[in-house]
Amino acid sequence: MVYGMSSRKLTIRYTGFRPCPNCEGRGDDGAAWRPVPCKRCEGRGRLVTDVEVEDSVWGKLPRTTYDFNAGGEVFLLDFDEDEEIEVIRPEEPWDRRGPS
């Protein structure tokens, strides 16, 4: 199959979130005198619970072709490591103004 001169593009969408159980959604350790970002959510207050991945060649990928963690990192399963893939993700998927 010929894909053309451009590389494949994967678009990542974060579709599910939950409050971080470590900091209870605050994003910090709770100390008013020295607030330190929560180590689990990295100061975001929320963790990722659902992701959608859309491929420029295959369309929306089935959930069995990728994995992800609560920090929002997406891991492709059974993809050719030599293939050039451009990943497009939101700049701030944990936008606190958005829906939770």
Protein backbone atom coordinates (compact mmCIF):
# COMPACT_ATOMS: atom_id res chain seq x y z
CA MET A 1 0.00 0.00 0.00
CA VAL A 2 1.41 3.40 -0.98
CA TYR A 3 0.85 6.23 1.48
CA GLY A 4 2.33 9.05 -0.62
CA MET A 5 5.14 11.37 0.30
CA SER A 6 3.68 12.67 3.55
CA SER A 7 3.88 10.80 6.81
CA ARG A 8 0.94 9.25 8.58
CA LYS A 9 -0.75 11.42 11.15
CA LEU A 10 -2.28 10.26 14.39
CA THR A 11 -4.66 12.62 16.16
CA ILE A 12 -5.09 12.01 19.88
CA ARG A 13 -8.23 13.16 21.69
CA TYR A 14 -8.61 12.92 25.44
CA THR A 15 -12.27 12.10 26.03
CA GLY A 16 -12.44 11.06 29.68
CA PHE A 17 -11.03 12.44 32.91
CA ARG A 18 -11.37 11.89 36.65
CA PRO A 19 -10.16 13.86 39.67
CA CYS A 20 -6.76 12.77 40.88
CA PRO A 21 -7.22 10.64 44.02
CA ASN A 22 -3.80 11.66 45.31
CA CYS A 23 -4.54 15.41 45.58
CA GLU A 24 -8.37 15.19 45.39
CA GLY A 25 -8.37 17.38 42.27
CA ARG A 26 -6.47 20.31 43.80
CA GLY A 27 -3.31 19.77 41.75
CA ASP A 28 -1.02 20.33 44.74
CA ASP A 29 -0.02 18.63 47.97
CA GLY A 30 -2.42 20.74 50.05
CA ALA A 31 0.18 22.66 52.03
CA ALA A 32 -0.81 26.37 51.92
CA TRP A 33 2.62 27.56 52.97
CA ARG A 34 4.45 25.71 50.16
CA PRO A 35 2.13 24.28 47.52
CA VAL A 36 4.02 21.66 45.54
CA PRO A 37 2.48 20.17 42.38
CA CYS A 38 1.01 16.72 42.92
CA LYS A 39 3.41 14.02 41.75
CA ARG A 40 0.70 11.78 40.30
CA CYS A 41 -1.21 14.31 38.15
CA GLU A 42 1.75 16.71 37.80
CA GLY A 43 -0.34 19.61 39.10
CA ARG A 44 -3.25 19.17 36.69
CA GLY A 45 -5.77 17.87 39.22
CA ARG A 46 -7.16 15.32 36.77
CA LEU A 47 -6.13 12.00 35.26
CA VAL A 48 -6.97 10.70 31.78
CA THR A 49 -9.47 7.82 31.71
CA ASP A 50 -10.32 7.60 27.99
CA VAL A 51 -8.57 8.36 24.72
CA GLU A 52 -9.50 8.25 21.04
CA VAL A 53 -6.85 7.89 18.34
CA GLU A 54 -7.56 8.72 14.70
CA ASP A 55 -5.18 7.61 11.95
CA SER A 56 -4.97 9.57 8.68
CA VAL A 57 -4.86 6.23 6.81
CA TRP A 58 -7.16 3.91 8.79
CA GLY A 59 -9.55 6.36 10.47
CA LYS A 60 -10.53 5.89 14.12
CA LEU A 61 -8.36 3.12 15.56
CA PRO A 62 -9.89 0.32 17.60
CA ARG A 63 -9.00 0.38 21.30
CA THR A 64 -7.03 -2.86 20.88
CA THR A 65 -4.37 -1.09 18.76
CA TYR A 66 -3.14 1.31 21.44
CA ASP A 67 -2.77 1.69 25.18
CA PHE A 68 -2.51 4.79 27.38
CA ASN A 69 -1.76 5.77 30.92
CA ALA A 70 -3.39 8.22 33.34
CA GLY A 71 -0.82 10.86 32.42
CA GLY A 72 -2.04 10.94 28.83
CA GLU A 73 0.82 9.07 27.16
CA VAL A 74 -0.39 6.90 24.27
CA PHE A 75 1.45 3.73 23.26
CA LEU A 76 0.86 2.16 19.84
CA LEU A 77 0.71 -1.62 19.73
CA ASP A 78 1.91 -3.63 16.72
CA PHE A 79 3.01 -0.64 14.61
CA ASP A 80 6.14 -0.62 12.48
CA GLU A 81 8.78 1.25 14.47
CA ASP A 82 10.53 2.42 11.28
CA GLU A 83 7.42 4.11 9.90
CA GLU A 84 7.33 7.89 10.20
CA ILE A 85 4.26 8.98 12.16
CA GLU A 86 3.34 12.54 13.12
CA VAL A 87 1.37 12.76 16.35
CA ILE A 88 -1.13 15.58 16.81
CA ARG A 89 -2.33 16.10 20.36
CA PRO A 90 -4.05 18.96 22.15
CA GLU A 91 -1.66 21.44 23.75
CA GLU A 92 -3.47 21.26 27.09
CA PRO A 93 -5.73 18.22 27.34
CA TRP A 94 -6.27 18.87 31.03
CA ASP A 95 -7.80 22.31 30.56
CA ARG A 96 -9.53 22.97 33.89
CA ARG A 97 -12.12 25.20 32.23
CA GLY A 98 -13.39 22.31 30.11
CA PRO A 99 -15.84 19.58 31.12
CA SER A 100 -14.59 16.97 33.57
